[in-house]
C-alpha cells in the first residue's frame, strides 16, 4: 500500500520520497490493550485483519500475559510472535528491525510499544479500556480511541492523509 501525504515528513525513519509517498507492507500489532482486552480479542478485529491481509502482512507481537493469544487468533490471517524465552526476538523493536522500519506500521498502547511506534514508518497509539502510556502517545504519529478505527485507516488511507498532511 502506498499513501501520499502532502507536505509532511512524518518521522526521521520514514521512507518518504520527493512525492511524500510512504509504503506500508507490514503491520505490527500489540495484543493486550490493543487488539485484545483481558486476553480476549475485541469483536470485529479478526474480520478486519483478514480483509486487510489480502494486501498487507500482519504480525501480532506479544509476551502473551494471559496465555490466550494463539487460541484467540486461531482464525486470524496473521503471524503470532511470542516474545520471551525460546523466541528469536527479545523485543518488539527486534521484530520491527527484521521486517523493515521503512515499510512497517505499528499499533500499540503500552510503554513497551513506544520505541516501535517512534521508529516505524507510521506509529498509531490506541486508548481503550486498558488506557495508554503517555510516552507511547507522544511517540505516535496518530492516536485513535479504538482499534477498529485505527485499522479502518488502512482500508481508507484518506483518514491518514487528512490527519497527517502538512
C-alpha atoms as a PDB file:
ATOM      1  CA  UNK A   1       0.000   0.000   0.000  1.00  0.00           C
ATOM      2  CA  UNK A   2       1.377   3.393  -0.979  1.00  0.00           C
ATOM      3  CA  UNK A   3      -0.013   6.550   0.625  1.00  0.00           C
ATOM      4  CA  UNK A   4       0.813  10.115  -0.430  1.00  0.00           C
ATOM      5  CA  UNK A   5       0.874  12.543   2.497  1.00  0.00           C
ATOM      6  CA  UNK A   6       1.189  16.085   1.126  1.00  0.00           C
ATOM      7  CA  UNK A   7       3.774  18.394   2.712  1.00  0.00           C
ATOM      8  CA  UNK A   8       4.596  16.077   5.585  1.00  0.00           C
ATOM      9  CA  UNK A   9       7.660  14.053   6.581  1.00  0.00           C
ATOM     10  CA  UNK A  10       6.145  12.066   9.443  1.00  0.00           C
ATOM     11  CA  UNK A  11       9.354  10.875  11.079  1.00  0.00           C
ATOM     12  CA  UNK A  12      13.074  10.592  10.513  1.00  0.00           C
ATOM     13  CA  UNK A  13      12.836   6.883   9.649  1.00  0.00           C
ATOM     14  CA  UNK A  14      10.092   7.418   7.104  1.00  0.00           C
ATOM     15  CA  UNK A  15      10.615   6.077   3.617  1.00  0.00           C
ATOM     16  CA  UNK A  16       9.259   9.283   2.122  1.00  0.00           C
ATOM     17  CA  UNK A  17      10.264  10.139  -1.421  1.00  0.00           C
ATOM     18  CA  UNK A  18      10.038  13.522  -3.162  1.00  0.00           C
ATOM     19  CA  UNK A  19       6.307  12.975  -3.660  1.00  0.00           C
ATOM     20  CA  UNK A  20       5.736  12.279   0.076  1.00  0.00           C
ATOM     21  CA  UNK A  21       4.765   8.680  -0.609  1.00  0.00           C
ATOM     22  CA  UNK A  22       5.056   6.102   2.153  1.00  0.00           C
ATOM     23  CA  UNK A  23       4.845   2.376   1.557  1.00  0.00           C
ATOM     24  CA  UNK A  24       3.209   0.038   4.089  1.00  0.00           C
ATOM     25  CA  UNK A  25       3.817  -3.687   3.604  1.00  0.00           C
ATOM     26  CA  UNK A  26       3.574  -4.902   7.216  1.00  0.00           C
ATOM     27  CA  UNK A  27       1.606  -4.111  10.352  1.00  0.00           C
ATOM     28  CA  UNK A  28       2.813  -4.988  13.840  1.00  0.00           C
ATOM     29  CA  UNK A  29       0.021  -5.172  16.394  1.00  0.00           C
ATOM     30  CA  UNK A  30       0.333  -5.370  20.155  1.00  0.00           C
ATOM     31  CA  UNK A  31      -2.076  -7.894  21.699  1.00  0.00           C
ATOM     32  CA  UNK A  32      -3.316  -6.978  25.196  1.00  0.00           C
ATOM     33  CA  UNK A  33      -4.688  -3.457  25.399  1.00  0.00           C
ATOM     34  CA  UNK A  34      -4.538  -3.021  21.627  1.00  0.00           C
ATOM     35  CA  UNK A  35      -6.440  -5.801  19.819  1.00  0.00           C
ATOM     36  CA  UNK A  36      -7.498  -7.630  22.993  1.00  0.00           C
ATOM     37  CA  UNK A  37      -8.815  -6.677  26.407  1.00  0.00           C
ATOM     38  CA  UNK A  38      -8.028  -9.015  29.310  1.00  0.00           C
ATOM     39  CA  UNK A  39      -6.735 -11.626  26.853  1.00  0.00           C
ATOM     40  CA  UNK A  40      -9.888 -11.655  24.677  1.00  0.00           C
ATOM     41  CA  UNK A  41      -9.825 -10.317  21.110  1.00  0.00           C
ATOM     42  CA  UNK A  42     -12.102  -7.338  20.557  1.00  0.00           C
ATOM     43  CA  UNK A  43     -15.107  -8.129  18.344  1.00  0.00           C
ATOM     44  CA  UNK A  44     -14.510  -7.208  14.713  1.00  0.00           C
ATOM     45  CA  UNK A  45     -10.698  -7.228  14.861  1.00  0.00           C
ATOM     46  CA  UNK A  46     -10.200 -10.636  13.232  1.00  0.00           C
ATOM     47  CA  UNK A  47     -12.568  -9.731  10.400  1.00  0.00           C
ATOM     48  CA  UNK A  48     -10.640  -6.512   9.695  1.00  0.00           C
ATOM     49  CA  UNK A  49      -7.261  -8.275   9.846  1.00  0.00           C
ATOM     50  CA  UNK A  50      -8.466 -10.997   7.476  1.00  0.00           C
ATOM     51  CA  UNK A  51      -9.824  -8.454   4.995  1.00  0.00           C
ATOM     52  CA  UNK A  52      -6.716  -6.262   5.094  1.00  0.00           C
ATOM     53  CA  UNK A  53      -4.331  -9.238   4.965  1.00  0.00           C
ATOM     54  CA  UNK A  54      -5.025  -9.545   1.243  1.00  0.00           C
ATOM     55  CA  UNK A  55      -2.644  -6.611   0.697  1.00  0.00           C
ATOM     56  CA  UNK A  56      -0.688  -6.217   3.971  1.00  0.00           C
ATOM     57  CA  UNK A  57       1.087  -8.763   6.211  1.00  0.00           C
ATOM     58  CA  UNK A  58       0.038  -8.716   9.884  1.00  0.00           C
ATOM     59  CA  UNK A  59       2.170  -9.676  12.889  1.00  0.00           C
ATOM     60  CA  UNK A  60       0.868  -9.801  16.446  1.00  0.00           C
ATOM     61  CA  UNK A  61       3.824  -9.397  18.786  1.00  0.00           C
ATOM     62  CA  UNK A  62       3.203 -10.120  22.460  1.00  0.00           C
ATOM     63  CA  UNK A  63       4.527 -11.526  25.709  1.00  0.00           C
ATOM     64  CA  UNK A  64       1.053 -13.146  25.969  1.00  0.00           C
ATOM     65  CA  UNK A  65       0.366 -12.130  29.564  1.00  0.00           C
ATOM     66  CA  UNK A  66      -2.905 -14.101  29.693  1.00  0.00           C
ATOM     67  CA  UNK A  67      -1.693 -17.099  27.679  1.00  0.00           C
ATOM     68  CA  UNK A  68      -4.567 -16.747  25.212  1.00  0.00           C
ATOM     69  CA  UNK A  69      -3.082 -15.273  22.028  1.00  0.00           C
ATOM     70  CA  UNK A  70      -2.912 -18.451  19.954  1.00  0.00           C
ATOM     71  CA  UNK A  71      -6.434 -19.556  20.898  1.00  0.00           C
ATOM     72  CA  UNK A  72      -7.892 -16.087  20.342  1.00  0.00           C
ATOM     73  CA  UNK A  73      -6.204 -15.579  16.957  1.00  0.00           C
ATOM     74  CA  UNK A  74      -6.583 -19.089  15.517  1.00  0.00           C
ATOM     75  CA  UNK A  75      -8.877 -17.773  12.753  1.00  0.00           C
ATOM     76  CA  UNK A  76      -6.865 -14.619  12.006  1.00  0.00           C
ATOM     77  CA  UNK A  77      -4.625 -14.305   8.954  1.00  0.00           C
ATOM     78  CA  UNK A  78      -1.615 -13.080  10.890  1.00  0.00           C
ATOM     79  CA  UNK A  79       1.633 -14.379  12.302  1.00  0.00           C
ATOM     80  CA  UNK A  80       1.814 -14.540  16.103  1.00  0.00           C
ATOM     81  CA  UNK A  81       5.218 -13.815  17.608  1.00  0.00           C
ATOM     82  CA  UNK A  82       5.522 -14.543  21.312  1.00  0.00           C
ATOM     83  CA  UNK A  83       8.399 -12.728  22.951  1.00  0.00           C
ATOM     84  CA  UNK A  84      10.500 -14.142  25.753  1.00  0.00           C
ATOM     85  CA  UNK A  85      12.086 -17.492  26.370  1.00  0.00           C
ATOM     86  CA  UNK A  86      12.851 -19.540  23.224  1.00  0.00           C
ATOM     87  CA  UNK A  87      11.982 -16.657  20.894  1.00  0.00           C
ATOM     88  CA  UNK A  88      14.343 -15.449  18.198  1.00  0.00           C
ATOM     89  CA  UNK A  89      13.191 -11.927  19.108  1.00  0.00           C
ATOM     90  CA  UNK A  90      13.817 -10.350  22.502  1.00  0.00           C
ATOM     91  CA  UNK A  91      11.523  -7.357  21.996  1.00  0.00           C
ATOM     92  CA  UNK A  92       9.206  -5.655  19.529  1.00  0.00           C
ATOM     93  CA  UNK A  93      11.989  -3.492  18.147  1.00  0.00           C
ATOM     94  CA  UNK A  94      13.825  -6.659  17.046  1.00  0.00           C
ATOM     95  CA  UNK A  95      10.732  -7.687  15.054  1.00  0.00           C
ATOM     96  CA  UNK A  96      10.367  -4.212  13.530  1.00  0.00           C
ATOM     97  CA  UNK A  97      14.021  -4.164  12.512  1.00  0.00           C
ATOM     98  CA  UNK A  98      13.675  -7.614  10.909  1.00  0.00           C
ATOM     99  CA  UNK A  99      10.548  -6.636   8.940  1.00  0.00           C
ATOM    100  CA  UNK A 100      11.870  -3.204   7.957  1.00  0.00           C
ATOM    101  CA  UNK A 101      11.235   0.088   9.716  1.00  0.00           C
ATOM    102  CA  UNK A 102      10.600   1.910   6.441  1.00  0.00           C
ATOM    103  CA  UNK A 103       7.666  -0.279   5.366  1.00  0.00           C
ATOM    104  CA  UNK A 104       6.078  -1.325   8.671  1.00  0.00           C
ATOM    105  CA  UNK A 105       3.234   0.398  10.504  1.00  0.00           C
ATOM    106  CA  UNK A 106       2.906  -0.297  14.252  1.00  0.00           C
ATOM    107  CA  UNK A 107      -0.119  -0.068  16.533  1.00  0.00           C
ATOM    108  CA  UNK A 108       0.083  -0.261  20.329  1.00  0.00           C
ATOM    109  CA  UNK A 109      -0.802   1.254  23.670  1.00  0.00           C
ATOM    110  CA  UNK A 110       1.754   0.169  26.254  1.00  0.00           C
ATOM    111  CA  UNK A 111       5.039   1.628  27.372  1.00  0.00           C
ATOM    112  CA  UNK A 112       6.843  -1.229  25.627  1.00  0.00           C
ATOM    113  CA  UNK A 113       5.298  -0.096  22.322  1.00  0.00           C
ATOM    114  CA  UNK A 114       6.776   3.417  22.372  1.00  0.00           C
ATOM    115  CA  UNK A 115      10.013   2.552  20.539  1.00  0.00           C
ATOM    116  CA  UNK A 116       8.350   0.683  17.670  1.00  0.00           C
ATOM    117  CA  UNK A 117       5.765   3.439  17.225  1.00  0.00           C
ATOM    118  CA  UNK A 118       8.537   6.041  17.089  1.00  0.00           C
ATOM    119  CA  UNK A 119      10.762   4.090  14.686  1.00  0.00           C
ATOM    120  CA  UNK A 120       8.223   2.618  12.268  1.00  0.00           C
ATOM    121  CA  UNK A 121       7.065   4.302   9.061  1.00  0.00           C
ATOM    122  CA  UNK A 122       3.825   5.164  10.863  1.00  0.00           C
ATOM    123  CA  UNK A 123       3.051   4.707  14.555  1.00  0.00           C
ATOM    124  CA  UNK A 124      -0.518   4.580  15.835  1.00  0.00           C
ATOM    125  CA  UNK A 125      -1.424   4.584  19.522  1.00  0.00           C
ATOM    126  CA  UNK A 126      -4.813   3.411  20.760  1.00  0.00           C
ATOM    127  CA  UNK A 127      -6.504   4.390  24.001  1.00  0.00           C
ATOM    128  CA  UNK A 128      -9.105   1.831  25.032  1.00  0.00           C
ATOM    129  CA  UNK A 129     -10.226   0.232  28.335  1.00  0.00           C
ATOM    130  CA  UNK A 130      -6.640  -0.560  29.375  1.00  0.00           C
ATOM    131  CA  UNK A 131      -5.503   3.020  28.741  1.00  0.00           C
ATOM    132  CA  UNK A 132      -2.211   4.012  27.150  1.00  0.00           C
ATOM    133  CA  UNK A 133       1.221   5.079  28.340  1.00  0.00           C
ATOM    134  CA  UNK A 134       1.906   8.790  27.918  1.00  0.00           C
ATOM    135  CA  UNK A 135       5.326   8.064  26.384  1.00  0.00           C
ATOM    136  CA  UNK A 136       3.616   5.892  23.777  1.00  0.00           C
ATOM    137  CA  UNK A 137       1.130   8.610  22.893  1.00  0.00           C
ATOM    138  CA  UNK A 138       3.977  11.075  22.418  1.00  0.00           C
ATOM    139  CA  UNK A 139       5.878   8.611  20.207  1.00  0.00           C
ATOM    140  CA  UNK A 140       2.886   8.018  17.915  1.00  0.00           C
ATOM    141  CA  UNK A 141       2.109   9.813  14.657  1.00  0.00           C
ATOM    142  CA  UNK A 142      -1.627   9.272  15.189  1.00  0.00           C
ATOM    143  CA  UNK A 143      -3.923   8.336  18.097  1.00  0.00           C
ATOM    144  CA  UNK A 144      -7.269   6.541  17.905  1.00  0.00           C
ATOM    145  CA  UNK A 145      -9.821   5.710  20.602  1.00  0.00           C
ATOM    146  CA  UNK A 146     -10.429   2.217  19.222  1.00  0.00           C
ATOM    147  CA  UNK A 147      -8.502  -0.468  17.371  1.00  0.00           C
ATOM    148  CA  UNK A 148     -11.340  -0.808  14.854  1.00  0.00           C
ATOM    149  CA  UNK A 149     -10.966   2.873  13.928  1.00  0.00           C
ATOM    150  CA  UNK A 150      -7.170   2.507  13.747  1.00  0.00           C
ATOM    151  CA  UNK A 151      -7.428  -0.493  11.412  1.00  0.00           C
ATOM    152  CA  UNK A 152     -10.041   1.288   9.282  1.00  0.00           C
ATOM    153  CA  UNK A 153      -7.452   3.855   8.221  1.00  0.00           C
ATOM    154  CA  UNK A 154      -5.721   1.056   6.289  1.00  0.00           C
ATOM    155  CA  UNK A 155      -8.823   0.421   4.202  1.00  0.00           C
ATOM    156  CA  UNK A 156      -9.399   4.173   3.820  1.00  0.00           C
ATOM    157  CA  UNK A 157      -5.967   5.861   3.596  1.00  0.00           C
ATOM    158  CA  UNK A 158      -7.650   9.269   3.212  1.00  0.00           C
ATOM    159  CA  UNK A 159      -8.027   9.175   7.010  1.00  0.00           C
ATOM    160  CA  UNK A 160      -4.224   9.067   7.315  1.00  0.00           C
ATOM    161  CA  UNK A 161      -3.786  11.804   4.738  1.00  0.00           C
ATOM    162  CA  UNK A 162      -6.355  14.092   6.391  1.00  0.00           C
ATOM    163  CA  UNK A 163      -4.716  13.678   9.795  1.00  0.00           C
ATOM    164  CA  UNK A 164      -1.053  13.983   8.792  1.00  0.00           C
ATOM    165  CA  UNK A 165      -0.930  16.383   5.879  1.00  0.00           C
ATOM    166  CA  UNK A 166       1.249  19.421   6.447  1.00  0.00           C
END
